[in-house]
Amino acid sequence: MAELLLEFDGPEGLARAARELEQKGYTGLEAYTPYSTEEVRAALPERFSWIPCLVLLAGLCGAGGAYLLQWYLVAYLYPIDAGGRPPHMPLAFVPISFEMGVLCAAFAAFLGVLWAGRLLRPWHPVFEAQGFESTSVDKFWLSVPASDVPEGREALERVAASLGAQRSLYVASEVRR
């Protein structure tokens, strides 16, 4: 599988190209920019994020696990009659359960952002493209998967030329997840 990389001078050109490509039915667009801009974020299609679901699930599992562990240790294995209170006093278990829920949710959010943002991957095939290092300084790049084009590369190159890109080049890419 290959990707077509389009280079632009500013965020306006990249955003306009992303909107036009999306209207023409291209999917899987990805932008590489030296800084984040609202214009580019608005132009790219919004993707579903599973991170909030993961954080909620991790928080509930952490809180439930902490509560069950406290109940098992204090009320079941080693019940102590202290001050005439019952061994299973739910209010005594709430602070630790809450804190463990927050801790597990925070870990899940941190690791989920690293995974979903693909920040754990130190290399990608587009990094090998000639001139791509300008992304970290002053250039804006748009990646279009070539698999989106049923007509072939020539059709994609004609569309790229009409978008006002400074240059375009193909790079071999890995399979996207």
N, C-alpha and C. Protein backbone atom coordinates (compact mmCIF):
# COMPACT_ATOMS: atom_id res chain seq x y z
N MET A 1 0.85 -1.17 0.00
CA MET A 1 0.00 0.00 0.00
C MET A 1 0.89 1.23 0.00
N ALA A 2 0.45 2.29 -0.66
CA ALA A 2 1.22 3.52 -0.76
C ALA A 2 0.37 4.70 -0.32
N GLU A 3 1.05 5.77 -0.02
CA GLU A 3 0.39 7.01 0.35
C GLU A 3 0.93 8.12 -0.53
N LEU A 4 0.06 9.05 -0.87
CA LEU A 4 0.49 10.25 -1.57
C LEU A 4 0.62 11.35 -0.55
N LEU A 5 1.79 11.97 -0.50
CA LEU A 5 2.03 13.08 0.41
C LEU A 5 1.99 14.38 -0.38
N LEU A 6 1.20 15.33 0.10
CA LEU A 6 1.09 16.64 -0.54
C LEU A 6 1.67 17.69 0.40
N GLU A 7 2.54 18.54 -0.13
CA GLU A 7 3.19 19.57 0.69
C GLU A 7 2.54 20.93 0.43
N PHE A 8 2.25 21.65 1.51
CA PHE A 8 1.65 22.98 1.41
C PHE A 8 2.46 23.97 2.22
N ASP A 9 2.35 25.26 1.84
CA ASP A 9 3.07 26.32 2.56
C ASP A 9 2.42 26.69 3.88
N GLY A 10 1.08 26.65 3.93
CA GLY A 10 0.40 27.10 5.13
C GLY A 10 -0.80 26.24 5.46
N PRO A 11 -1.40 26.49 6.61
CA PRO A 11 -2.54 25.69 7.03
C PRO A 11 -3.79 25.93 6.18
N GLU A 12 -3.90 27.10 5.57
CA GLU A 12 -5.08 27.39 4.75
C GLU A 12 -5.15 26.45 3.55
N GLY A 13 -4.03 26.29 2.85
CA GLY A 13 -4.00 25.41 1.68
C GLY A 13 -4.26 23.96 2.06
N LEU A 14 -3.67 23.52 3.17
CA LEU A 14 -3.89 22.15 3.62
C LEU A 14 -5.35 21.93 3.99
N ALA A 15 -5.95 22.87 4.69
CA ALA A 15 -7.35 22.73 5.10
C ALA A 15 -8.27 22.71 3.88
N ARG A 16 -8.00 23.58 2.90
CA ARG A 16 -8.82 23.61 1.69
C ARG A 16 -8.70 22.30 0.93
N ALA A 17 -7.47 21.77 0.82
CA ALA A 17 -7.26 20.50 0.13
C ALA A 17 -7.95 19.35 0.86
N ALA A 18 -7.87 19.34 2.18
CA ALA A 18 -8.52 18.27 2.95
C ALA A 18 -10.03 18.30 2.76
N ARG A 19 -10.62 19.50 2.76
CA ARG A 19 -12.07 19.60 2.54
C ARG A 19 -12.46 19.12 1.15
N GLU A 20 -11.69 19.52 0.14
CA GLU A 20 -12.01 19.11 -1.23
C GLU A 20 -11.85 17.60 -1.41
N LEU A 21 -10.79 17.04 -0.85
CA LEU A 21 -10.59 15.59 -0.97
C LEU A 21 -11.69 14.82 -0.25
N GLU A 22 -12.12 15.33 0.88
CA GLU A 22 -13.19 14.65 1.61
C GLU A 22 -14.50 14.71 0.84
N GLN A 23 -14.76 15.84 0.20
CA GLN A 23 -15.97 15.97 -0.62
C GLN A 23 -15.94 15.03 -1.82
N LYS A 24 -14.75 14.74 -2.32
CA LYS A 24 -14.62 13.83 -3.47
C LYS A 24 -14.63 12.37 -3.04
N GLY A 25 -14.73 12.11 -1.74
CA GLY A 25 -14.87 10.74 -1.27
C GLY A 25 -13.62 10.08 -0.75
N TYR A 26 -12.56 10.83 -0.59
CA TYR A 26 -11.32 10.25 -0.07
C TYR A 26 -11.43 10.13 1.45
N THR A 27 -10.99 9.02 1.98
CA THR A 27 -11.02 8.80 3.43
C THR A 27 -9.60 8.51 3.91
N GLY A 28 -9.42 8.48 5.20
CA GLY A 28 -8.10 8.16 5.76
C GLY A 28 -7.10 9.29 5.63
N LEU A 29 -7.57 10.52 5.48
CA LEU A 29 -6.66 11.66 5.37
C LEU A 29 -5.97 11.90 6.70
N GLU A 30 -4.71 12.28 6.62
CA GLU A 30 -3.96 12.56 7.83
C GLU A 30 -3.06 13.76 7.58
N ALA A 31 -3.02 14.68 8.53
CA ALA A 31 -2.24 15.91 8.38
C ALA A 31 -1.01 15.84 9.28
N TYR A 32 0.09 16.36 8.76
CA TYR A 32 1.33 16.50 9.52
C TYR A 32 1.69 17.97 9.49
N THR A 33 1.66 18.61 10.66
CA THR A 33 1.86 20.05 10.74
C THR A 33 2.88 20.40 11.82
N PRO A 34 3.56 21.56 11.67
CA PRO A 34 4.53 21.96 12.71
C PRO A 34 3.86 22.44 13.99
N TYR A 35 2.61 22.86 13.90
CA TYR A 35 1.83 23.28 15.07
C TYR A 35 0.36 23.04 14.78
N SER A 36 -0.41 22.92 15.83
CA SER A 36 -1.83 22.62 15.69
C SER A 36 -2.60 23.89 15.35
N THR A 37 -3.51 23.77 14.38
CA THR A 37 -4.37 24.90 14.04
C THR A 37 -5.81 24.44 14.03
N GLU A 38 -6.69 25.35 14.41
CA GLU A 38 -8.12 25.04 14.44
C GLU A 38 -8.63 24.80 13.03
N GLU A 39 -8.08 25.50 12.06
CA GLU A 39 -8.51 25.37 10.67
C GLU A 39 -8.28 23.96 10.14
N VAL A 40 -7.12 23.41 10.42
CA VAL A 40 -6.80 22.05 9.95
C VAL A 40 -7.64 21.02 10.69
N ARG A 41 -7.80 21.19 11.99
CA ARG A 41 -8.62 20.25 12.77
C ARG A 41 -10.06 20.23 12.28
N ALA A 42 -10.59 21.40 11.93
CA ALA A 42 -11.97 21.46 11.45
C ALA A 42 -12.12 20.84 10.07
N ALA A 43 -11.07 20.91 9.25
CA ALA A 43 -11.15 20.38 7.88
C ALA A 43 -11.06 18.86 7.84
N LEU A 44 -10.33 18.28 8.77
CA LEU A 44 -10.18 16.82 8.76
C LEU A 44 -11.41 16.16 9.36
N PRO A 45 -11.77 14.98 8.87
CA PRO A 45 -12.94 14.30 9.43
C PRO A 45 -12.69 13.91 10.89
N GLU A 46 -13.74 14.03 11.68
CA GLU A 46 -13.63 13.69 13.10
C GLU A 46 -13.72 12.18 13.25
N ARG A 47 -12.85 11.63 14.06
CA ARG A 47 -12.82 10.18 14.27
C ARG A 47 -13.38 9.85 15.65
N PHE A 48 -13.97 8.67 15.74
CA PHE A 48 -14.49 8.20 17.02
C PHE A 48 -13.33 7.88 17.96
N SER A 49 -13.44 8.29 19.19
CA SER A 49 -12.43 7.99 20.19
C SER A 49 -13.00 7.04 21.24
N TRP A 50 -12.31 5.97 21.47
CA TRP A 50 -12.75 4.99 22.46
C TRP A 50 -12.12 5.28 23.82
N ILE A 51 -11.35 6.35 23.94
CA ILE A 51 -10.67 6.66 25.20
C ILE A 51 -11.64 6.95 26.34
N PRO A 52 -12.72 7.74 26.16
CA PRO A 52 -13.64 7.96 27.29
C PRO A 52 -14.26 6.66 27.80
N CYS A 53 -14.60 5.75 26.90
CA CYS A 53 -15.16 4.46 27.33
C CYS A 53 -14.12 3.67 28.12
N LEU A 54 -12.88 3.68 27.65
CA LEU A 54 -11.80 2.98 28.34
C LEU A 54 -11.57 3.56 29.74
N VAL A 55 -11.58 4.88 29.84
CA VAL A 55 -11.35 5.55 31.13
C VAL A 55 -12.48 5.22 32.10
N LEU A 56 -13.72 5.27 31.63
CA LEU A 56 -14.85 4.93 32.50
C LEU A 56 -14.76 3.48 32.97
N LEU A 57 -14.48 2.58 32.06
CA LEU A 57 -14.39 1.16 32.42
C LEU A 57 -13.25 0.92 33.41
N ALA A 58 -12.09 1.53 33.17
CA ALA A 58 -10.96 1.36 34.09
C ALA A 58 -11.27 1.94 35.46
N GLY A 59 -11.94 3.10 35.49
CA GLY A 59 -12.30 3.70 36.78
C GLY A 59 -13.28 2.84 37.56
N LEU A 60 -14.29 2.32 36.87
CA LEU A 60 -15.25 1.45 37.55
C LEU A 60 -14.61 0.14 38.02
N CYS A 61 -13.75 -0.42 37.19
CA CYS A 61 -13.06 -1.66 37.60
C CYS A 61 -12.12 -1.42 38.78
N GLY A 62 -11.42 -0.29 38.76
CA GLY A 62 -10.52 0.04 39.87
C GLY A 62 -11.28 0.25 41.17
N ALA A 63 -12.39 1.00 41.11
CA ALA A 63 -13.17 1.25 42.31
C ALA A 63 -13.84 -0.03 42.81
N GLY A 64 -14.40 -0.80 41.89
CA GLY A 64 -15.04 -2.07 42.28
C GLY A 64 -14.05 -3.06 42.83
N GLY A 65 -12.87 -3.14 42.21
CA GLY A 65 -11.83 -4.04 42.71
C GLY A 65 -11.34 -3.66 44.09
N ALA A 66 -11.16 -2.36 44.31
CA ALA A 66 -10.72 -1.90 45.64
C ALA A 66 -11.77 -2.19 46.69
N TYR A 67 -13.04 -1.96 46.35
CA TYR A 67 -14.11 -2.24 47.31
C TYR A 67 -14.16 -3.73 47.64
N LEU A 68 -14.11 -4.56 46.59
CA LEU A 68 -14.15 -6.01 46.83
C LEU A 68 -12.95 -6.49 47.63
N LEU A 69 -11.78 -5.96 47.37
CA LEU A 69 -10.58 -6.35 48.13
C LEU A 69 -10.72 -5.96 49.60
N GLN A 70 -11.21 -4.77 49.86
CA GLN A 70 -11.39 -4.35 51.26
C GLN A 70 -12.44 -5.21 51.96
N TRP A 71 -13.53 -5.49 51.26
CA TRP A 71 -14.57 -6.33 51.86
C TRP A 71 -14.01 -7.71 52.16
N TYR A 72 -13.29 -8.29 51.21
CA TYR A 72 -12.75 -9.63 51.38
C TYR A 72 -11.77 -9.68 52.56
N LEU A 73 -10.90 -8.70 52.67
CA LEU A 73 -9.89 -8.72 53.73
C LEU A 73 -10.47 -8.35 55.09
N VAL A 74 -11.31 -7.31 55.16
CA VAL A 74 -11.77 -6.79 56.44
C VAL A 74 -13.02 -7.49 56.94
N ALA A 75 -13.97 -7.75 56.08
CA ALA A 75 -15.26 -8.28 56.53
C ALA A 75 -15.34 -9.79 56.45
N TYR A 76 -14.58 -10.40 55.56
CA TYR A 76 -14.72 -11.84 55.36
C TYR A 76 -13.56 -12.63 55.99
N LEU A 77 -12.34 -12.30 55.65
CA LEU A 77 -11.20 -13.07 56.16
C LEU A 77 -10.88 -12.78 57.62
N TYR A 78 -10.90 -11.52 57.98
CA TYR A 78 -10.45 -11.15 59.32
C TYR A 78 -11.40 -10.13 59.95
N PRO A 79 -12.62 -10.52 60.27
CA PRO A 79 -13.56 -9.55 60.86
C PRO A 79 -13.17 -9.24 62.31
N ILE A 80 -13.18 -7.96 62.62
CA ILE A 80 -12.85 -7.52 63.97
C ILE A 80 -14.03 -6.71 64.51
N ASP A 81 -14.42 -7.02 65.73
CA ASP A 81 -15.50 -6.26 66.37
C ASP A 81 -14.86 -5.10 67.11
N ALA A 82 -14.88 -3.93 66.46
CA ALA A 82 -14.27 -2.75 67.06
C ALA A 82 -15.35 -1.70 67.30
N GLY A 83 -15.64 -1.45 68.53
CA GLY A 83 -16.62 -0.42 68.87
C GLY A 83 -18.04 -0.81 68.55
N GLY A 84 -18.31 -2.08 68.42
CA GLY A 84 -19.66 -2.54 68.15
C GLY A 84 -20.11 -2.30 66.71
N ARG A 85 -19.18 -1.97 65.80
CA ARG A 85 -19.55 -1.77 64.40
C ARG A 85 -19.55 -3.11 63.67
N PRO A 86 -20.38 -3.22 62.66
CA PRO A 86 -20.37 -4.47 61.89
C PRO A 86 -19.08 -4.57 61.07
N PRO A 87 -18.65 -5.79 60.73
CA PRO A 87 -17.41 -5.94 59.95
C PRO A 87 -17.50 -5.28 58.57
N HIS A 88 -18.69 -5.34 57.97
CA HIS A 88 -18.84 -4.72 56.66
C HIS A 88 -19.51 -3.37 56.81
N MET A 89 -18.71 -2.33 56.92
CA MET A 89 -19.20 -0.97 57.03
C MET A 89 -18.89 -0.25 55.72
N PRO A 90 -19.87 -0.12 54.81
CA PRO A 90 -19.59 0.41 53.47
C PRO A 90 -18.97 1.81 53.46
N LEU A 91 -19.35 2.68 54.36
CA LEU A 91 -18.79 4.04 54.34
C LEU A 91 -17.29 4.06 54.58
N ALA A 92 -16.79 3.10 55.30
CA ALA A 92 -15.34 3.05 55.55
C ALA A 92 -14.57 2.66 54.29
N PHE A 93 -15.23 2.01 53.35
CA PHE A 93 -14.56 1.54 52.14
C PHE A 93 -14.60 2.55 50.99
N VAL A 94 -15.40 3.60 51.12
CA VAL A 94 -15.60 4.56 50.03
C VAL A 94 -14.33 5.35 49.68
N PRO A 95 -13.59 5.93 50.62
CA PRO A 95 -12.43 6.75 50.21
C PRO A 95 -11.40 5.97 49.40
N ILE A 96 -11.05 4.78 49.86
CA ILE A 96 -10.05 3.99 49.13
C ILE A 96 -10.59 3.56 47.78
N SER A 97 -11.86 3.19 47.73
CA SER A 97 -12.46 2.78 46.46
C SER A 97 -12.45 3.94 45.47
N PHE A 98 -12.80 5.14 45.94
CA PHE A 98 -12.79 6.31 45.07
C PHE A 98 -11.39 6.60 44.55
N GLU A 99 -10.41 6.59 45.44
CA GLU A 99 -9.03 6.89 45.04
C GLU A 99 -8.49 5.86 44.04
N MET A 100 -8.81 4.60 44.24
CA MET A 100 -8.35 3.57 43.29
C MET A 100 -9.05 3.73 41.95
N GLY A 101 -10.32 4.15 41.96
CA GLY A 101 -11.02 4.41 40.71
C GLY A 101 -10.38 5.55 39.94
N VAL A 102 -10.03 6.61 40.63
CA VAL A 102 -9.38 7.75 39.99
C VAL A 102 -8.00 7.36 39.47
N LEU A 103 -7.25 6.60 40.25
CA LEU A 103 -5.91 6.18 39.84
C LEU A 103 -5.97 5.30 38.59
N CYS A 104 -6.85 4.32 38.58
CA CYS A 104 -6.97 3.43 37.41
C CYS A 104 -7.46 4.20 36.18
N ALA A 105 -8.38 5.12 36.36
CA ALA A 105 -8.87 5.93 35.24
C ALA A 105 -7.76 6.82 34.68
N ALA A 106 -6.93 7.37 35.55
CA ALA A 106 -5.83 8.22 35.10
C ALA A 106 -4.80 7.42 34.31
N PHE A 107 -4.45 6.23 34.80
CA PHE A 107 -3.53 5.37 34.05
C PHE A 107 -4.11 4.98 32.70
N ALA A 108 -5.39 4.66 32.67
CA ALA A 108 -6.03 4.29 31.41
C ALA A 108 -6.04 5.46 30.44
N ALA A 109 -6.30 6.67 30.92
CA ALA A 109 -6.30 7.84 30.05
C ALA A 109 -4.91 8.10 29.50
N PHE A 110 -3.91 8.01 30.33
CA PHE A 110 -2.53 8.25 29.90
C PHE A 110 -2.10 7.24 28.84
N LEU A 111 -2.29 5.96 29.12
CA LEU A 111 -1.89 4.93 28.17
C LEU A 111 -2.76 4.94 26.92
N GLY A 112 -4.05 5.25 27.08
CA GLY A 112 -4.94 5.32 25.92
C GLY A 112 -4.56 6.44 24.97
N VAL A 113 -4.17 7.59 25.49
CA VAL A 113 -3.74 8.69 24.64
C VAL A 113 -2.44 8.33 23.93
N LEU A 114 -1.52 7.69 24.61
CA LEU A 114 -0.29 7.26 23.96
C LEU A 114 -0.58 6.28 22.83
N TRP A 115 -1.48 5.34 23.08
CA TRP A 115 -1.79 4.32 22.07
C TRP A 115 -2.60 4.89 20.92
N ALA A 116 -3.68 5.60 21.21
CA ALA A 116 -4.55 6.13 20.16
C ALA A 116 -3.88 7.22 19.35
N GLY A 117 -3.02 7.99 19.98
CA GLY A 117 -2.29 9.03 19.26
C GLY A 117 -1.09 8.51 18.52
N ARG A 118 -0.86 7.23 18.59
CA ARG A 118 0.27 6.55 17.95
C ARG A 118 1.61 7.17 18.36
N LEU A 119 1.70 7.54 19.63
CA LEU A 119 2.92 8.14 20.14
C LEU A 119 3.92 7.10 20.61
N LEU A 120 3.52 5.85 20.66
CA LEU A 120 4.43 4.79 21.06
C LEU A 120 5.25 4.28 19.88
N ARG A 121 4.94 4.78 18.68
CA ARG A 121 5.63 4.33 17.48
C ARG A 121 6.68 5.37 17.10
N PRO A 122 7.96 5.06 17.24
CA PRO A 122 8.99 6.06 16.96
C PRO A 122 9.30 6.25 15.48
N TRP A 123 8.78 5.38 14.59
CA TRP A 123 9.07 5.48 13.17
C TRP A 123 7.83 5.18 12.35
N HIS A 124 7.68 5.89 11.25
CA HIS A 124 6.60 5.66 10.29
C HIS A 124 7.21 5.83 8.90
N PRO A 125 6.74 5.11 7.90
CA PRO A 125 7.34 5.21 6.57
C PRO A 125 7.34 6.62 5.97
N VAL A 126 6.39 7.47 6.33
CA VAL A 126 6.39 8.82 5.76
C VAL A 126 7.58 9.64 6.25
N PHE A 127 8.21 9.24 7.35
CA PHE A 127 9.37 9.96 7.85
C PHE A 127 10.55 9.85 6.89
N GLU A 128 10.53 8.86 6.02
CA GLU A 128 11.61 8.65 5.07
C GLU A 128 11.42 9.45 3.79
N ALA A 129 10.31 10.15 3.63
CA ALA A 129 10.04 10.91 2.42
C ALA A 129 11.01 12.08 2.30
N GLN A 130 11.42 12.35 1.06
CA GLN A 130 12.37 13.43 0.79
C GLN A 130 11.75 14.77 1.19
N GLY A 131 12.35 15.48 2.11
CA GLY A 131 11.88 16.79 2.53
C GLY A 131 10.84 16.78 3.63
N PHE A 132 10.47 15.62 4.13
CA PHE A 132 9.43 15.55 5.16
C PHE A 132 9.88 16.16 6.48
N GLU A 133 11.18 16.30 6.67
CA GLU A 133 11.67 16.89 7.92
C GLU A 133 11.24 18.35 8.06
N SER A 134 10.81 18.98 6.96
CA SER A 134 10.33 20.36 7.02
C SER A 134 9.02 20.48 7.81
N THR A 135 8.37 19.34 8.08
CA THR A 135 7.14 19.36 8.87
C THR A 135 7.38 19.93 10.26
N SER A 136 8.53 19.68 10.82
CA SER A 136 8.80 20.16 12.17
C SER A 136 9.20 21.63 12.21
N VAL A 137 9.34 22.26 11.03
CA VAL A 137 9.77 23.65 10.99
C VAL A 137 8.68 24.57 10.42
N ASP A 138 8.33 24.37 9.14
CA ASP A 138 7.45 25.35 8.52
C ASP A 138 6.52 24.82 7.43
N LYS A 139 6.55 23.56 7.10
CA LYS A 139 5.72 23.03 6.02
C LYS A 139 4.57 22.19 6.56
N PHE A 140 3.52 22.09 5.77
CA PHE A 140 2.31 21.34 6.13
C PHE A 140 2.12 20.24 5.10
N TRP A 141 1.92 19.01 5.57
CA TRP A 141 1.79 17.86 4.68
C TRP A 141 0.45 17.19 4.90
N LEU A 142 -0.13 16.70 3.82
CA LEU A 142 -1.38 15.95 3.86
C LEU A 142 -1.12 14.59 3.25
N SER A 143 -1.51 13.54 3.97
CA SER A 143 -1.31 12.17 3.51
C SER A 143 -2.64 11.61 3.03
N VAL A 144 -2.63 11.07 1.80
CA VAL A 144 -3.83 10.48 1.21
C VAL A 144 -3.50 9.03 0.86
N PRO A 145 -4.16 8.06 1.48
CA PRO A 145 -3.89 6.66 1.13
C PRO A 145 -4.27 6.39 -0.32
N ALA A 146 -3.37 5.77 -1.06
CA ALA A 146 -3.62 5.48 -2.47
C ALA A 146 -4.68 4.40 -2.64
N SER A 147 -4.97 3.65 -1.62
CA SER A 147 -6.00 2.61 -1.71
C SER A 147 -7.40 3.21 -1.82
N ASP A 148 -7.54 4.50 -1.51
CA ASP A 148 -8.84 5.17 -1.61
C ASP A 148 -9.25 5.44 -3.05
N VAL A 149 -8.30 5.34 -3.98
CA VAL A 149 -8.55 5.74 -5.35
C VAL A 149 -8.78 4.52 -6.23
N PRO A 150 -10.01 4.27 -6.64
CA PRO A 150 -10.25 3.12 -7.51
C PRO A 150 -9.70 3.34 -8.92
N GLU A 151 -9.57 4.62 -9.36
CA GLU A 151 -9.10 4.89 -10.73
C GLU A 151 -7.60 4.71 -10.87
N GLY A 152 -6.87 4.80 -9.76
CA GLY A 152 -5.42 4.62 -9.82
C GLY A 152 -4.66 5.87 -9.43
N ARG A 153 -3.35 5.76 -9.52
CA ARG A 153 -2.48 6.85 -9.10
C ARG A 153 -2.62 8.09 -9.98
N GLU A 154 -2.84 7.90 -11.28
CA GLU A 154 -2.92 9.05 -12.18
C GLU A 154 -4.07 9.97 -11.79
N ALA A 155 -5.20 9.40 -11.44
CA ALA A 155 -6.35 10.21 -11.03
C ALA A 155 -6.03 10.98 -9.75
N LEU A 156 -5.36 10.33 -8.82
CA LEU A 156 -5.01 11.00 -7.57
C LEU A 156 -4.00 12.11 -7.82
N GLU A 157 -3.06 11.90 -8.74
CA GLU A 157 -2.08 12.95 -9.05
C GLU A 157 -2.73 14.14 -9.74
N ARG A 158 -3.74 13.90 -10.60
CA ARG A 158 -4.46 15.01 -11.24
C ARG A 158 -5.21 15.83 -10.18
N VAL A 159 -5.85 15.13 -9.23
CA VAL A 159 -6.56 15.83 -8.16
C VAL A 159 -5.56 16.62 -7.31
N ALA A 160 -4.41 16.03 -7.01
CA ALA A 160 -3.39 16.70 -6.19
C ALA A 160 -2.87 17.95 -6.88
N ALA A 161 -2.69 17.88 -8.20
CA ALA A 161 -2.19 19.04 -8.93
C ALA A 161 -3.21 20.18 -8.91
N SER A 162 -4.49 19.85 -8.90
CA SER A 162 -5.52 20.89 -8.89
C SER A 162 -5.69 21.53 -7.51
N LEU A 163 -5.13 20.93 -6.48
CA LEU A 163 -5.30 21.45 -5.12
C LEU A 163 -4.29 22.52 -4.74
N GLY A 164 -3.29 22.73 -5.56
CA GLY A 164 -2.30 23.76 -5.27
C GLY A 164 -1.18 23.32 -4.36
N ALA A 165 -0.90 22.04 -4.34
CA ALA A 165 0.21 21.55 -3.51
C ALA A 165 1.53 21.94 -4.15
N GLN A 166 2.51 22.27 -3.33
CA GLN A 166 3.83 22.61 -3.85
C GLN A 166 4.47 21.43 -4.55
N ARG A 167 4.35 20.28 -3.92
CA ARG A 167 4.84 19.05 -4.54
C ARG A 167 4.10 17.87 -3.96
N SER A 168 4.17 16.77 -4.67
CA SER A 168 3.54 15.54 -4.21
C SER A 168 4.49 14.38 -4.47
N LEU A 169 4.47 13.43 -3.58
CA LEU A 169 5.31 12.24 -3.75
C LEU A 169 4.67 11.05 -3.09
N TYR A 170 5.01 9.89 -3.62
CA TYR A 170 4.48 8.64 -3.09
C TYR A 170 5.49 8.02 -2.13
N VAL A 171 4.97 7.44 -1.07
CA VAL A 171 5.80 6.66 -0.15
C VAL A 171 5.08 5.35 0.13
N ALA A 172 5.86 4.29 0.31
CA ALA A 172 5.28 3.01 0.71
C ALA A 172 4.91 3.13 2.17
N SER A 173 3.74 2.61 2.52
CA SER A 173 3.33 2.74 3.90
C SER A 173 2.96 1.37 4.46
N GLU A 174 2.92 1.31 5.76
CA GLU A 174 2.52 0.09 6.43
C GLU A 174 1.01 -0.02 6.46
N VAL A 175 0.52 -1.15 6.85
CA VAL A 175 -0.92 -1.35 6.94
C VAL A 175 -1.44 -0.58 8.14
N ARG A 176 -2.49 0.23 7.93
CA ARG A 176 -3.06 1.03 9.03
C ARG A 176 -3.93 0.14 9.91
N ARG A 177 -3.96 0.49 11.18
CA ARG A 177 -4.82 -0.24 12.09
C ARG A 177 -6.13 0.44 12.24
